[in-house]
């Protein structure tokens, strides 16, 4: 789901914490002992080369608190009502700032623990520097969630098999790759995905990839659910 995803990158970091009706709740146990935690709507920090965002951006949101031991080990407790629409995208971001053709490698490994209830996806959100193109890679998802656009078929790229969707949210093109089976850990070779979009499909040019985000696009998590990134690495050269 990426209909208003661009707002995640263009929000004012110092917007009032209750602008979307967000209430501050009590976070789960890991947050209490973490290096950093925040229940603020736009709470953010930088740790060892990654930027973490609480990022509660959707309307009708409930409470959410993020914690981090590092940029690669972090999690979120979220209590969003059982209603439609994306409420948040807590994430960890790594800046790339290289064009597709200048990249010789762009890979990421992930290891997550996610709930069996609620409605959400665990996804990479990859942007070009001009925010004209958004590439989402869903590694798992649960509940009433779905991608923007129409199904373009299935393809095996970067070590995974994906169902591909192409759409437009009115602000940018959105290419969504949904893993055909859920995964809680693995490695994604992202560069072949970008080259397939550019060279095989011709859907975009030699864009400069601004950053790679990884997190949880949460629609509902009634009662409070935990999402944990046990480990995350994003590497480029």
Foldseek 3Di string as FASTA:
>chain_A
DCLPVVCQVVPDLPPAQCPQPEDEDDWDDVQVPAPDKDFGQFDWDAFPQKIWGQFQDDHQAYTKMKGHNGLWWIKMKGAGAPDFDWGGWTKIKHWDQAWLVVWPFKKKKFAKDWDQDAWKFWWKWWAFPVRQEIEIETQDTDDPDDDPADWPAWDDAQNFIWTWGWHDSPRHIYIYTYGPDHDRIDMGGCSRVVCCCCPVVVVDHRTGTTMMITGMRGGHDHPMTMMITRGMDIDID
